[in-house]
Amino acid sequence: MSGAGKGDARARLFMAAVRVFAARGYKGATVREICAEAGANLNAVVYYFGGKAKLYQAVLEVLFTEGRRQMEERLAEAAGMTAEERLRLLLEVTCRLLFAGGELSRAFVRIYAQELINPSPFLGGMIERHSRTQVKDALGMVTEVVGPGIPHNVLVDCLMSLLGPAVYQSFIWPVMRPVFPDHPAMEEYWPRLADHLYRFSMAGLAAVREAAEEARHGERNEPR
C-alpha cells in the first residue's frame, strides 16, 4: 500500500470512528462497526491506531486541542491584542468549532456531551494535559479585563458565564431549532452569535468590575 493510500485509509477510519463514537459513545462503539463504517477490514483499527482505546484517545486529542490550535494561529496573526480582543477571539474560535464544521462539529459536540454524562477512562488525563493550561490562559484574560483583587471563585464564574452559553446552545439547539423555524442555520449564524456573546459578556464583566470597585470604595470609607 502506498503512503498516500495509508493516509487515506487512516483518515477514513478516523472519520468513521468520530461518527460511531458520537452515536454510540466509547463503551457502546465496536471495532466491527467502525471498520464497517470506514469500509475497512477488522484489523485496520489495530494496524493504524493500536486498538479501539487508542483510536478513541486520538479522537479526544483533536477534540481537546483543535480550539487551542486555532486560537494560537489567530493570535499569531494579530500580536498586541488587548485582553478584550483576545476574549472576543476566544468566543469566535469557540463558536466556529461548535457550529461551523457541519457533521464533524455536531459529532464532536455529541462526543463531548457523552463524556460529560458517562466519562470514559481517558477524560481525566485529557483535562489534565490540555484543559488546565487553556483555562489558566482564559482566566488570565478575564483577570486583565475585570482588574486585580477579584476572588478566584468569581473569576471562575465569569469564565463559565463567558463560554458556557455557547456550549449550552450547541447542546440544546438541535432540540430547540423547530421552535424557531425562522432562525438562520447555525452554520451561517455563528459569527453573529459570537458577537452577541461578546457584547453580553463584556457588559457582565464590567458589572463585576464596578461592583468590586464599589466594595473597595465602601471599605475605605468605613469608620475606624
N, C-alpha and C. Protein backbone atom coordinates (compact mmCIF):
# COMPACT_ATOMS: atom_id res chain seq x y z
N MET A 1 0.84 -1.20 0.00
CA MET A 1 0.00 0.00 0.00
C MET A 1 0.87 1.25 0.00
N SER A 2 0.55 2.23 -0.85
CA SER A 2 1.34 3.44 -0.94
C SER A 2 1.16 4.29 0.31
N GLY A 3 2.09 5.26 0.51
CA GLY A 3 1.94 6.15 1.65
C GLY A 3 0.66 6.94 1.59
N ALA A 4 0.30 7.41 0.38
CA ALA A 4 -0.95 8.16 0.24
C ALA A 4 -2.15 7.29 0.57
N GLY A 5 -2.08 6.02 0.11
CA GLY A 5 -3.17 5.10 0.39
C GLY A 5 -3.34 4.85 1.87
N LYS A 6 -2.21 4.70 2.56
CA LYS A 6 -2.27 4.51 4.01
C LYS A 6 -2.89 5.72 4.69
N GLY A 7 -2.51 6.92 4.24
CA GLY A 7 -3.07 8.12 4.84
C GLY A 7 -4.56 8.22 4.62
N ASP A 8 -4.99 7.88 3.42
CA ASP A 8 -6.43 7.91 3.13
C ASP A 8 -7.19 6.92 3.99
N ALA A 9 -6.64 5.71 4.13
CA ALA A 9 -7.31 4.69 4.93
C ALA A 9 -7.38 5.11 6.40
N ARG A 10 -6.30 5.68 6.90
CA ARG A 10 -6.28 6.13 8.29
C ARG A 10 -7.29 7.25 8.51
N ALA A 11 -7.36 8.18 7.55
CA ALA A 11 -8.32 9.28 7.66
C ALA A 11 -9.76 8.76 7.62
N ARG A 12 -10.02 7.78 6.76
CA ARG A 12 -11.37 7.22 6.70
C ARG A 12 -11.74 6.55 8.01
N LEU A 13 -10.80 5.82 8.57
CA LEU A 13 -11.05 5.18 9.87
C LEU A 13 -11.31 6.21 10.95
N PHE A 14 -10.52 7.26 10.95
CA PHE A 14 -10.70 8.31 11.97
C PHE A 14 -12.08 8.93 11.86
N MET A 15 -12.49 9.30 10.64
CA MET A 15 -13.80 9.92 10.48
C MET A 15 -14.92 8.95 10.79
N ALA A 16 -14.75 7.69 10.43
CA ALA A 16 -15.76 6.69 10.79
C ALA A 16 -15.86 6.55 12.30
N ALA A 17 -14.71 6.59 12.97
CA ALA A 17 -14.71 6.48 14.43
C ALA A 17 -15.43 7.66 15.06
N VAL A 18 -15.20 8.86 14.54
CA VAL A 18 -15.89 10.04 15.07
C VAL A 18 -17.40 9.85 14.98
N ARG A 19 -17.87 9.37 13.84
CA ARG A 19 -19.32 9.19 13.66
C ARG A 19 -19.86 8.11 14.60
N VAL A 20 -19.13 6.99 14.70
CA VAL A 20 -19.63 5.88 15.53
C VAL A 20 -19.53 6.23 17.01
N PHE A 21 -18.44 6.82 17.44
CA PHE A 21 -18.32 7.21 18.85
C PHE A 21 -19.38 8.26 19.21
N ALA A 22 -19.69 9.16 18.27
CA ALA A 22 -20.72 10.17 18.52
C ALA A 22 -22.09 9.50 18.71
N ALA A 23 -22.33 8.45 17.96
CA ALA A 23 -23.62 7.78 18.02
C ALA A 23 -23.72 6.81 19.19
N ARG A 24 -22.62 6.13 19.52
CA ARG A 24 -22.65 5.04 20.49
C ARG A 24 -21.93 5.33 21.80
N GLY A 25 -21.06 6.34 21.81
CA GLY A 25 -20.21 6.53 22.97
C GLY A 25 -19.03 5.56 22.92
N TYR A 26 -18.05 5.81 23.79
CA TYR A 26 -16.87 4.94 23.78
C TYR A 26 -17.22 3.50 24.11
N LYS A 27 -18.01 3.29 25.15
CA LYS A 27 -18.32 1.93 25.58
C LYS A 27 -19.21 1.21 24.58
N GLY A 28 -20.14 1.91 23.96
CA GLY A 28 -21.07 1.26 23.04
C GLY A 28 -20.52 1.00 21.66
N ALA A 29 -19.51 1.76 21.26
CA ALA A 29 -18.94 1.59 19.92
C ALA A 29 -18.14 0.29 19.84
N THR A 30 -18.15 -0.34 18.68
CA THR A 30 -17.35 -1.55 18.46
C THR A 30 -16.41 -1.35 17.29
N VAL A 31 -15.30 -2.07 17.33
CA VAL A 31 -14.34 -2.02 16.24
C VAL A 31 -15.00 -2.50 14.94
N ARG A 32 -15.84 -3.50 15.04
CA ARG A 32 -16.52 -4.02 13.85
C ARG A 32 -17.36 -2.92 13.18
N GLU A 33 -18.09 -2.16 14.00
CA GLU A 33 -18.94 -1.11 13.44
C GLU A 33 -18.10 0.01 12.82
N ILE A 34 -17.00 0.37 13.48
CA ILE A 34 -16.13 1.41 12.95
C ILE A 34 -15.54 0.98 11.61
N CYS A 35 -15.06 -0.24 11.55
CA CYS A 35 -14.46 -0.73 10.31
C CYS A 35 -15.50 -0.84 9.19
N ALA A 36 -16.70 -1.27 9.54
CA ALA A 36 -17.76 -1.34 8.53
C ALA A 36 -18.10 0.06 8.01
N GLU A 37 -18.14 1.03 8.90
CA GLU A 37 -18.42 2.41 8.51
C GLU A 37 -17.34 2.94 7.58
N ALA A 38 -16.09 2.54 7.82
CA ALA A 38 -14.95 3.02 7.03
C ALA A 38 -14.70 2.17 5.78
N GLY A 39 -15.39 1.02 5.68
CA GLY A 39 -15.12 0.12 4.57
C GLY A 39 -13.76 -0.52 4.67
N ALA A 40 -13.36 -0.85 5.91
CA ALA A 40 -12.04 -1.41 6.16
C ALA A 40 -12.18 -2.78 6.81
N ASN A 41 -11.09 -3.58 6.76
CA ASN A 41 -11.15 -4.89 7.41
C ASN A 41 -10.96 -4.74 8.92
N LEU A 42 -11.26 -5.80 9.66
CA LEU A 42 -11.29 -5.72 11.12
C LEU A 42 -9.93 -5.48 11.75
N ASN A 43 -8.87 -5.71 11.02
CA ASN A 43 -7.53 -5.49 11.57
C ASN A 43 -7.07 -4.04 11.41
N ALA A 44 -7.85 -3.23 10.70
CA ALA A 44 -7.38 -1.89 10.35
C ALA A 44 -7.20 -1.00 11.58
N VAL A 45 -8.11 -1.09 12.55
CA VAL A 45 -8.01 -0.23 13.73
C VAL A 45 -6.73 -0.52 14.50
N VAL A 46 -6.41 -1.79 14.66
CA VAL A 46 -5.15 -2.15 15.35
C VAL A 46 -3.95 -1.70 14.52
N TYR A 47 -4.01 -1.92 13.22
CA TYR A 47 -2.88 -1.60 12.33
C TYR A 47 -2.56 -0.10 12.35
N TYR A 48 -3.60 0.73 12.25
CA TYR A 48 -3.38 2.17 12.11
C TYR A 48 -3.34 2.91 13.45
N PHE A 49 -4.05 2.39 14.46
CA PHE A 49 -4.15 3.15 15.71
C PHE A 49 -3.73 2.37 16.95
N GLY A 50 -3.61 1.06 16.84
CA GLY A 50 -3.23 0.27 18.01
C GLY A 50 -4.40 -0.22 18.83
N GLY A 51 -5.63 -0.11 18.31
CA GLY A 51 -6.80 -0.61 19.02
C GLY A 51 -7.84 0.47 19.26
N LYS A 52 -8.98 0.03 19.74
CA LYS A 52 -10.12 0.94 19.96
C LYS A 52 -9.79 2.04 20.96
N ALA A 53 -9.12 1.69 22.05
CA ALA A 53 -8.83 2.69 23.09
C ALA A 53 -7.94 3.81 22.54
N LYS A 54 -6.90 3.43 21.80
CA LYS A 54 -6.00 4.45 21.26
C LYS A 54 -6.67 5.26 20.16
N LEU A 55 -7.56 4.63 19.40
CA LEU A 55 -8.32 5.37 18.39
C LEU A 55 -9.21 6.41 19.05
N TYR A 56 -9.87 6.02 20.12
CA TYR A 56 -10.74 6.98 20.82
C TYR A 56 -9.91 8.11 21.42
N GLN A 57 -8.75 7.79 21.96
CA GLN A 57 -7.89 8.83 22.51
C GLN A 57 -7.43 9.79 21.42
N ALA A 58 -7.19 9.26 20.21
CA ALA A 58 -6.82 10.13 19.09
C ALA A 58 -7.96 11.09 18.76
N VAL A 59 -9.19 10.60 18.82
CA VAL A 59 -10.36 11.46 18.59
C VAL A 59 -10.44 12.53 19.67
N LEU A 60 -10.26 12.14 20.93
CA LEU A 60 -10.31 13.11 22.02
C LEU A 60 -9.20 14.14 21.91
N GLU A 61 -8.02 13.74 21.45
CA GLU A 61 -6.92 14.68 21.29
C GLU A 61 -7.32 15.82 20.36
N VAL A 62 -7.97 15.47 19.26
CA VAL A 62 -8.42 16.50 18.33
C VAL A 62 -9.48 17.37 19.00
N LEU A 63 -10.42 16.74 19.69
CA LEU A 63 -11.49 17.46 20.37
C LEU A 63 -10.93 18.46 21.38
N PHE A 64 -9.88 18.07 22.09
CA PHE A 64 -9.34 18.92 23.17
C PHE A 64 -8.29 19.91 22.68
N THR A 65 -7.72 19.72 21.51
CA THR A 65 -6.60 20.57 21.08
C THR A 65 -6.92 21.48 19.90
N GLU A 66 -7.97 21.19 19.15
CA GLU A 66 -8.23 21.98 17.95
C GLU A 66 -8.53 23.43 18.28
N GLY A 67 -9.28 23.67 19.33
CA GLY A 67 -9.59 25.04 19.71
C GLY A 67 -8.32 25.82 20.05
N ARG A 68 -7.43 25.21 20.81
CA ARG A 68 -6.19 25.89 21.18
C ARG A 68 -5.33 26.16 19.94
N ARG A 69 -5.29 25.18 19.02
CA ARG A 69 -4.50 25.37 17.79
C ARG A 69 -5.02 26.56 17.00
N GLN A 70 -6.34 26.63 16.83
CA GLN A 70 -6.91 27.75 16.08
C GLN A 70 -6.70 29.07 16.80
N MET A 71 -6.82 29.05 18.12
CA MET A 71 -6.62 30.26 18.91
C MET A 71 -5.19 30.78 18.75
N GLU A 72 -4.23 29.89 18.83
CA GLU A 72 -2.83 30.28 18.71
C GLU A 72 -2.53 30.82 17.32
N GLU A 73 -3.12 30.21 16.29
CA GLU A 73 -2.93 30.71 14.93
C GLU A 73 -3.47 32.12 14.78
N ARG A 74 -4.66 32.36 15.32
CA ARG A 74 -5.27 33.69 15.21
C ARG A 74 -4.48 34.73 16.00
N LEU A 75 -4.00 34.35 17.19
CA LEU A 75 -3.23 35.30 17.99
C LEU A 75 -1.91 35.66 17.30
N ALA A 76 -1.33 34.68 16.62
CA ALA A 76 -0.07 34.93 15.91
C ALA A 76 -0.28 35.93 14.77
N GLU A 77 -1.48 35.96 14.22
CA GLU A 77 -1.79 36.88 13.12
C GLU A 77 -1.98 38.31 13.61
N ALA A 78 -2.28 38.47 14.90
CA ALA A 78 -2.60 39.81 15.42
C ALA A 78 -1.95 40.00 16.78
N ALA A 79 -0.65 40.20 16.76
CA ALA A 79 0.08 40.40 18.01
C ALA A 79 -0.33 41.72 18.66
N GLY A 80 -0.22 41.77 19.98
CA GLY A 80 -0.51 43.01 20.69
C GLY A 80 -1.98 43.25 20.96
N MET A 81 -2.81 42.19 20.90
CA MET A 81 -4.23 42.34 21.18
C MET A 81 -4.44 42.69 22.65
N THR A 82 -5.49 43.45 22.93
CA THR A 82 -5.90 43.69 24.32
C THR A 82 -6.57 42.43 24.86
N ALA A 83 -6.78 42.40 26.17
CA ALA A 83 -7.47 41.26 26.77
C ALA A 83 -8.89 41.13 26.22
N GLU A 84 -9.56 42.27 26.02
CA GLU A 84 -10.91 42.25 25.46
C GLU A 84 -10.92 41.64 24.07
N GLU A 85 -9.96 42.02 23.26
CA GLU A 85 -9.87 41.49 21.90
C GLU A 85 -9.56 39.99 21.91
N ARG A 86 -8.73 39.55 22.85
CA ARG A 86 -8.41 38.12 22.93
C ARG A 86 -9.64 37.33 23.38
N LEU A 87 -10.43 37.89 24.30
CA LEU A 87 -11.67 37.21 24.71
C LEU A 87 -12.65 37.13 23.55
N ARG A 88 -12.72 38.17 22.76
CA ARG A 88 -13.59 38.13 21.58
C ARG A 88 -13.13 37.03 20.62
N LEU A 89 -11.83 36.94 20.44
CA LEU A 89 -11.27 35.90 19.58
C LEU A 89 -11.57 34.51 20.14
N LEU A 90 -11.48 34.36 21.47
CA LEU A 90 -11.79 33.08 22.11
C LEU A 90 -13.23 32.68 21.82
N LEU A 91 -14.14 33.62 21.90
CA LEU A 91 -15.54 33.32 21.61
C LEU A 91 -15.75 32.98 20.14
N GLU A 92 -15.07 33.67 19.26
CA GLU A 92 -15.18 33.39 17.83
C GLU A 92 -14.70 31.97 17.52
N VAL A 93 -13.54 31.62 18.07
CA VAL A 93 -13.00 30.28 17.83
C VAL A 93 -13.93 29.22 18.41
N THR A 94 -14.44 29.46 19.61
CA THR A 94 -15.34 28.51 20.25
C THR A 94 -16.60 28.30 19.42
N CYS A 95 -17.22 29.38 18.97
CA CYS A 95 -18.45 29.26 18.18
C CYS A 95 -18.18 28.61 16.82
N ARG A 96 -17.04 28.91 16.23
CA ARG A 96 -16.72 28.28 14.95
C ARG A 96 -16.56 26.77 15.12
N LEU A 97 -15.88 26.36 16.17
CA LEU A 97 -15.70 24.93 16.42
C LEU A 97 -17.03 24.23 16.67
N LEU A 98 -17.91 24.89 17.41
CA LEU A 98 -19.16 24.26 17.80
C LEU A 98 -20.19 24.22 16.67
N PHE A 99 -20.16 25.22 15.78
CA PHE A 99 -21.27 25.37 14.84
C PHE A 99 -20.89 25.35 13.37
N ALA A 100 -19.64 25.65 13.04
CA ALA A 100 -19.31 25.89 11.62
C ALA A 100 -18.77 24.67 10.90
N GLY A 101 -18.56 23.57 11.60
CA GLY A 101 -17.92 22.42 10.98
C GLY A 101 -18.85 21.37 10.44
N GLY A 102 -20.15 21.68 10.36
CA GLY A 102 -21.09 20.72 9.80
C GLY A 102 -21.16 19.43 10.59
N GLU A 103 -21.16 18.30 9.90
CA GLU A 103 -21.29 16.99 10.53
C GLU A 103 -20.20 16.75 11.56
N LEU A 104 -18.97 17.16 11.24
CA LEU A 104 -17.86 16.92 12.16
C LEU A 104 -18.06 17.67 13.47
N SER A 105 -18.45 18.94 13.40
CA SER A 105 -18.71 19.71 14.62
C SER A 105 -19.81 19.08 15.45
N ARG A 106 -20.90 18.69 14.79
CA ARG A 106 -22.02 18.09 15.51
C ARG A 106 -21.61 16.78 16.18
N ALA A 107 -20.77 16.01 15.49
CA ALA A 107 -20.31 14.74 16.06
C ALA A 107 -19.43 14.98 17.28
N PHE A 108 -18.53 15.95 17.20
CA PHE A 108 -17.66 16.24 18.34
C PHE A 108 -18.47 16.76 19.52
N VAL A 109 -19.50 17.57 19.25
CA VAL A 109 -20.36 18.05 20.34
C VAL A 109 -21.03 16.86 21.03
N ARG A 110 -21.50 15.89 20.25
CA ARG A 110 -22.15 14.71 20.85
C ARG A 110 -21.15 13.89 21.66
N ILE A 111 -19.94 13.75 21.16
CA ILE A 111 -18.91 13.03 21.92
C ILE A 111 -18.64 13.73 23.24
N TYR A 112 -18.50 15.05 23.19
CA TYR A 112 -18.24 15.82 24.40
C TYR A 112 -19.40 15.68 25.39
N ALA A 113 -20.62 15.74 24.87
CA ALA A 113 -21.79 15.60 25.74
C ALA A 113 -21.81 14.22 26.40
N GLN A 114 -21.46 13.19 25.66
CA GLN A 114 -21.43 11.84 26.23
C GLN A 114 -20.34 11.70 27.28
N GLU A 115 -19.23 12.40 27.08
CA GLU A 115 -18.17 12.37 28.09
C GLU A 115 -18.64 13.03 29.38
N LEU A 116 -19.45 14.07 29.27
CA LEU A 116 -19.96 14.73 30.48
C LEU A 116 -20.94 13.83 31.22
N ILE A 117 -21.74 13.07 30.47
CA ILE A 117 -22.75 12.22 31.09
C ILE A 117 -22.14 10.91 31.59
N ASN A 118 -21.29 10.31 30.78
CA ASN A 118 -20.72 8.99 31.09
C ASN A 118 -19.24 9.01 30.74
N PRO A 119 -18.40 9.58 31.59
CA PRO A 119 -16.99 9.78 31.24
C PRO A 119 -16.26 8.48 30.91
N SER A 120 -15.41 8.56 29.90
CA SER A 120 -14.54 7.43 29.57
C SER A 120 -13.35 7.42 30.52
N PRO A 121 -12.55 6.36 30.51
CA PRO A 121 -11.36 6.33 31.39
C PRO A 121 -10.30 7.36 31.01
N PHE A 122 -10.48 8.02 29.85
CA PHE A 122 -9.43 8.90 29.34
C PHE A 122 -9.72 10.38 29.59
N LEU A 123 -10.91 10.69 30.07
CA LEU A 123 -11.30 12.10 30.19
C LEU A 123 -10.40 12.85 31.17
N GLY A 124 -10.14 12.26 32.33
CA GLY A 124 -9.32 12.95 33.33
C GLY A 124 -7.95 13.32 32.81
N GLY A 125 -7.32 12.40 32.08
CA GLY A 125 -6.00 12.69 31.54
C GLY A 125 -6.03 13.79 30.50
N MET A 126 -7.07 13.80 29.68
CA MET A 126 -7.20 14.84 28.66
C MET A 126 -7.36 16.21 29.32
N ILE A 127 -8.19 16.27 30.33
CA ILE A 127 -8.41 17.54 31.03
C ILE A 127 -7.11 18.03 31.67
N GLU A 128 -6.38 17.11 32.29
CA GLU A 128 -5.13 17.48 32.95
C GLU A 128 -4.10 17.99 31.95
N ARG A 129 -3.99 17.32 30.80
CA ARG A 129 -2.97 17.69 29.82
C ARG A 129 -3.33 18.94 29.03
N HIS A 130 -4.61 19.13 28.76
CA HIS A 130 -4.99 20.18 27.82
C HIS A 130 -5.82 21.29 28.46
N SER A 131 -6.86 20.93 29.19
CA SER A 131 -7.81 21.95 29.66
C SER A 131 -7.22 22.84 30.74
N ARG A 132 -6.36 22.29 31.59
CA ARG A 132 -5.83 23.10 32.69
C ARG A 132 -5.09 24.33 32.16
N THR A 133 -4.24 24.14 31.18
CA THR A 133 -3.48 25.26 30.62
C THR A 133 -4.39 26.23 29.89
N GLN A 134 -5.36 25.70 29.13
CA GLN A 134 -6.27 26.57 28.39
C GLN A 134 -7.13 27.41 29.34
N VAL A 135 -7.60 26.78 30.41
CA VAL A 135 -8.41 27.51 31.39
C VAL A 135 -7.58 28.58 32.09
N LYS A 136 -6.35 28.25 32.42
CA LYS A 136 -5.47 29.23 33.06
C LYS A 136 -5.26 30.44 32.17
N ASP A 137 -5.05 30.20 30.87
CA ASP A 137 -4.87 31.32 29.93
C ASP A 137 -6.15 32.18 29.86
N ALA A 138 -7.30 31.52 29.78
CA ALA A 138 -8.56 32.25 29.67
C ALA A 138 -8.85 33.04 30.95
N LEU A 139 -8.54 32.45 32.11
CA LEU A 139 -8.73 33.17 33.36
C LEU A 139 -7.83 34.40 33.42
N GLY A 140 -6.64 34.27 32.84
CA GLY A 140 -5.75 35.42 32.78
C GLY A 140 -6.36 36.57 31.99
N MET A 141 -7.01 36.25 30.87
CA MET A 141 -7.68 37.29 30.08
C MET A 141 -8.79 37.95 30.89
N VAL A 142 -9.60 37.13 31.56
CA VAL A 142 -10.71 37.66 32.36
C VAL A 142 -10.16 38.58 33.46
N THR A 143 -9.07 38.17 34.10
CA THR A 143 -8.48 38.96 35.17
C THR A 143 -8.02 40.32 34.66
N GLU A 144 -7.43 40.33 33.45
CA GLU A 144 -7.00 41.60 32.87
C GLU A 144 -8.18 42.54 32.65
N VAL A 145 -9.33 41.98 32.28
CA VAL A 145 -10.50 42.81 31.99
C VAL A 145 -11.14 43.34 33.27
N VAL A 146 -11.32 42.48 34.28
CA VAL A 146 -12.04 42.91 35.48
C VAL A 146 -11.13 43.58 36.49
N GLY A 147 -9.81 43.40 36.37
CA GLY A 147 -8.88 44.06 37.26
C GLY A 147 -8.49 43.19 38.44
N PRO A 148 -7.53 43.65 39.23
CA PRO A 148 -6.99 42.85 40.33
C PRO A 148 -7.95 42.80 41.52
N GLY A 149 -7.68 41.86 42.40
CA GLY A 149 -8.41 41.78 43.66
C GLY A 149 -9.73 41.07 43.60
N ILE A 150 -10.07 40.46 42.46
CA ILE A 150 -11.33 39.72 42.34
C ILE A 150 -11.12 38.31 42.87
N PRO A 151 -11.97 37.82 43.75
CA PRO A 151 -11.81 36.45 44.27
C PRO A 151 -11.77 35.42 43.13
N HIS A 152 -10.99 34.37 43.34
CA HIS A 152 -10.81 33.37 42.29
C HIS A 152 -12.13 32.74 41.88
N ASN A 153 -13.00 32.48 42.86
CA ASN A 153 -14.28 31.84 42.51
C ASN A 153 -15.13 32.75 41.61
N VAL A 154 -15.02 34.06 41.79
CA VAL A 154 -15.75 35.00 40.94
C VAL A 154 -15.17 34.99 39.53
N LEU A 155 -13.83 34.90 39.42
CA LEU A 155 -13.21 34.81 38.11
C LEU A 155 -13.65 33.55 37.37
N VAL A 156 -13.75 32.45 38.11
CA VAL A 156 -14.22 31.20 37.50
C VAL A 156 -15.66 31.36 37.02
N ASP A 157 -16.50 31.98 37.86
CA ASP A 157 -17.89 32.24 37.45
C ASP A 157 -17.94 33.08 36.18
N CYS A 158 -17.06 34.07 36.09
CA CYS A 158 -17.03 34.93 34.91
C CYS A 158 -16.66 34.13 33.67
N LEU A 159 -15.67 33.28 33.78
CA LEU A 159 -15.24 32.48 32.63
C LEU A 159 -16.34 31.52 32.19
N MET A 160 -16.98 30.87 33.15
CA MET A 160 -18.07 29.95 32.81
C MET A 160 -19.24 30.70 32.17
N SER A 161 -19.49 31.93 32.64
CA SER A 161 -20.56 32.73 32.06
C SER A 161 -20.20 33.20 30.66
N LEU A 162 -18.92 33.32 30.39
CA LEU A 162 -18.45 33.76 29.07
C LEU A 162 -18.59 32.64 28.04
N LEU A 163 -18.10 31.45 28.37
CA LEU A 163 -18.07 30.34 27.41
C LEU A 163 -19.28 29.42 27.52
N GLY A 164 -19.88 29.37 28.71
CA GLY A 164 -20.96 28.43 28.94
C GLY A 164 -22.14 28.56 27.98
N PRO A 165 -22.61 29.78 27.68
CA PRO A 165 -23.77 29.90 26.79
C PRO A 165 -23.54 29.30 25.40
N ALA A 166 -22.34 29.43 24.86
CA ALA A 166 -22.07 28.84 23.53
C ALA A 166 -22.12 27.33 23.59
N VAL A 167 -21.51 26.76 24.63
CA VAL A 167 -21.52 25.30 24.77
C VAL A 167 -22.94 24.81 25.01
N TYR A 168 -23.67 25.49 25.89
CA TYR A 168 -25.05 25.08 26.16
C TYR A 168 -25.90 25.16 24.89
N GLN A 169 -25.72 26.22 24.13
CA GLN A 169 -26.52 26.36 22.92
C GLN A 169 -26.20 25.26 21.92
N SER A 170 -24.95 24.82 21.86
CA SER A 170 -24.62 23.73 20.95
C SER A 170 -25.31 22.43 21.35
N PHE A 171 -25.52 22.25 22.67
CA PHE A 171 -26.23 21.05 23.16
C PHE A 171 -27.73 21.15 22.91
N ILE A 172 -28.29 22.32 23.19
CA ILE A 172 -29.75 22.45 23.20
C ILE A 172 -30.33 22.82 21.84
N TRP A 173 -29.53 23.41 20.96
CA TRP A 173 -30.08 23.93 19.72
C TRP A 173 -30.74 22.86 18.84
N PRO A 174 -30.18 21.65 18.71
CA PRO A 174 -30.87 20.65 17.89
C PRO A 174 -32.29 20.36 18.37
N VAL A 175 -32.53 20.49 19.67
CA VAL A 175 -33.87 20.27 20.22
C VAL A 175 -34.75 21.50 20.02
N MET A 176 -34.16 22.69 20.20
CA MET A 176 -34.94 23.93 20.15
C MET A 176 -35.12 24.46 18.73
N ARG A 177 -34.35 23.98 17.79
CA ARG A 177 -34.41 24.52 16.43
C ARG A 177 -35.83 24.55 15.86
N PRO A 178 -36.64 23.50 16.02
CA PRO A 178 -38.00 23.55 15.47
C PRO A 178 -38.88 24.64 16.10
N VAL A 179 -38.53 25.07 17.31
CA VAL A 179 -39.32 26.10 17.98
C VAL A 179 -39.10 27.46 17.31
N PHE A 180 -37.95 27.63 16.65
CA PHE A 180 -37.60 28.89 16.00
C PHE A 180 -37.34 28.63 14.51
N PRO A 181 -38.39 28.30 13.76
CA PRO A 181 -38.18 27.89 12.36
C PRO A 181 -37.60 28.98 11.48
N ASP A 182 -37.76 30.25 11.86
CA ASP A 182 -37.25 31.34 11.03
C ASP A 182 -35.82 31.74 11.39
N HIS A 183 -35.25 31.11 12.40
CA HIS A 183 -33.88 31.44 12.81
C HIS A 183 -32.89 30.92 11.77
N PRO A 184 -31.89 31.71 11.42
CA PRO A 184 -30.89 31.23 10.45
C PRO A 184 -30.18 29.98 10.96
N ALA A 185 -29.69 29.17 10.04
CA ALA A 185 -28.92 27.99 10.40
C ALA A 185 -27.65 28.40 11.13
N MET A 186 -27.28 27.64 12.15
CA MET A 186 -26.11 27.99 12.95
C MET A 186 -24.82 27.99 12.14
N GLU A 187 -24.75 27.18 11.10
CA GLU A 187 -23.55 27.18 10.25
C GLU A 187 -23.30 28.55 9.63
N GLU A 188 -24.38 29.33 9.46
CA GLU A 188 -24.26 30.68 8.92
C GLU A 188 -24.31 31.75 10.01
N TYR A 189 -25.03 31.46 11.09
CA TYR A 189 -25.33 32.46 12.10
C TYR A 189 -24.23 32.63 13.15
N TRP A 190 -23.33 31.66 13.26
CA TRP A 190 -22.42 31.64 14.40
C TRP A 190 -21.60 32.92 14.58
N PRO A 191 -21.17 33.64 13.52
CA PRO A 191 -20.43 34.89 13.80
C PRO A 191 -21.28 35.92 14.55
N ARG A 192 -22.57 35.98 14.23
CA ARG A 192 -23.45 36.91 14.94
C ARG A 192 -23.66 36.45 16.37
N LEU A 193 -23.73 35.15 16.59
CA LEU A 193 -23.84 34.64 17.96
C LEU A 193 -22.59 34.99 18.76
N ALA A 194 -21.43 34.80 18.16
CA ALA A 194 -20.18 35.13 18.85
C ALA A 194 -20.13 36.61 19.20
N ASP A 195 -20.58 37.46 18.29
CA ASP A 195 -20.61 38.91 18.56
C ASP A 195 -21.56 39.23 19.70
N HIS A 196 -22.75 38.60 19.68
CA HIS A 196 -23.71 38.83 20.77
C HIS A 196 -23.13 38.39 22.11
N LEU A 197 -22.55 37.19 22.15
CA LEU A 197 -22.00 36.69 23.40
C LEU A 197 -20.87 37.58 23.91
N TYR A 198 -20.09 38.13 22.98
CA TYR A 198 -19.01 39.03 23.39
C TYR A 198 -19.58 40.29 24.04
N ARG A 199 -20.56 40.92 23.39
CA ARG A 199 -21.15 42.15 23.94
C ARG A 199 -21.83 41.87 25.28
N PHE A 200 -22.55 40.78 25.36
CA PHE A 200 -23.24 40.40 26.59
C PHE A 200 -22.22 40.15 27.71
N SER A 201 -21.16 39.45 27.37
CA SER A 201 -20.13 39.12 28.38
C SER A 201 -19.37 40.35 28.84
N MET A 202 -19.05 41.25 27.92
CA MET A 202 -18.33 42.46 28.31
C MET A 202 -19.16 43.31 29.27
N ALA A 203 -20.48 43.35 29.04
CA ALA A 203 -21.34 44.08 29.97
C ALA A 203 -21.32 43.41 31.34
N GLY A 204 -21.34 42.10 31.37
CA GLY A 204 -21.29 41.38 32.64
C GLY A 204 -19.96 41.58 33.36
N LEU A 205 -18.86 41.52 32.62
CA LEU A 205 -17.55 41.72 33.24
C LEU A 205 -17.41 43.15 33.76
N ALA A 206 -17.97 44.10 33.03
CA ALA A 206 -17.95 45.49 33.51
C ALA A 206 -18.72 45.62 34.81
N ALA A 207 -19.84 44.92 34.92
CA ALA A 207 -20.64 44.97 36.15
C ALA A 207 -19.86 44.37 37.32
N VAL A 208 -19.12 43.28 37.06
CA VAL A 208 -18.30 42.67 38.11
C VAL A 208 -17.21 43.63 38.54
N ARG A 209 -16.58 44.29 37.58
CA ARG A 209 -15.51 45.25 37.90
C ARG A 209 -16.06 46.42 38.71
N GLU A 210 -17.20 46.94 38.31
CA GLU A 210 -17.80 48.07 39.03
C GLU A 210 -18.21 47.67 40.45
N ALA A 211 -18.75 46.46 40.60
CA ALA A 211 -19.14 46.01 41.94
C ALA A 211 -17.92 45.89 42.85
N ALA A 212 -16.81 45.38 42.30
CA ALA A 212 -15.59 45.26 43.10
C ALA A 212 -15.05 46.63 43.49
N GLU A 213 -15.11 47.58 42.55
CA GLU A 213 -14.63 48.93 42.87
C GLU A 213 -15.50 49.60 43.93
N GLU A 214 -16.81 49.39 43.86
CA GLU A 214 -17.71 49.94 44.86
C GLU A 214 -17.45 49.33 46.23
N ALA A 215 -17.18 48.02 46.24
CA ALA A 215 -16.89 47.35 47.51
C ALA A 215 -15.61 47.89 48.13
N ARG A 216 -14.58 48.09 47.30
CA ARG A 216 -13.32 48.62 47.83
C ARG A 216 -13.50 50.06 48.32
N HIS A 217 -14.29 50.83 47.58
CA HIS A 217 -14.55 52.22 47.99
C HIS A 217 -15.30 52.25 49.32
N GLY A 218 -16.26 51.33 49.49
CA GLY A 218 -17.01 51.28 50.74
C GLY A 218 -16.14 50.90 51.91
N GLU A 219 -15.19 49.98 51.66
CA GLU A 219 -14.28 49.57 52.74
C GLU A 219 -13.38 50.73 53.15
N ARG A 220 -12.93 51.53 52.20
CA ARG A 220 -12.07 52.68 52.53
C ARG A 220 -12.81 53.74 53.33
N ASN A 221 -14.12 53.84 53.10
CA ASN A 221 -14.90 54.89 53.75
C ASN A 221 -15.53 54.45 55.08
N GLU A 222 -15.33 53.18 55.44
CA GLU A 222 -15.90 52.71 56.69
C GLU A 222 -15.18 53.39 57.87
N PRO A 223 -15.95 53.81 58.90
CA PRO A 223 -15.31 54.44 60.06
C PRO A 223 -14.42 53.45 60.80
N ARG A 224 -13.34 53.92 61.26
CA ARG A 224 -12.39 53.08 62.01
C ARG A 224 -12.72 53.10 63.50
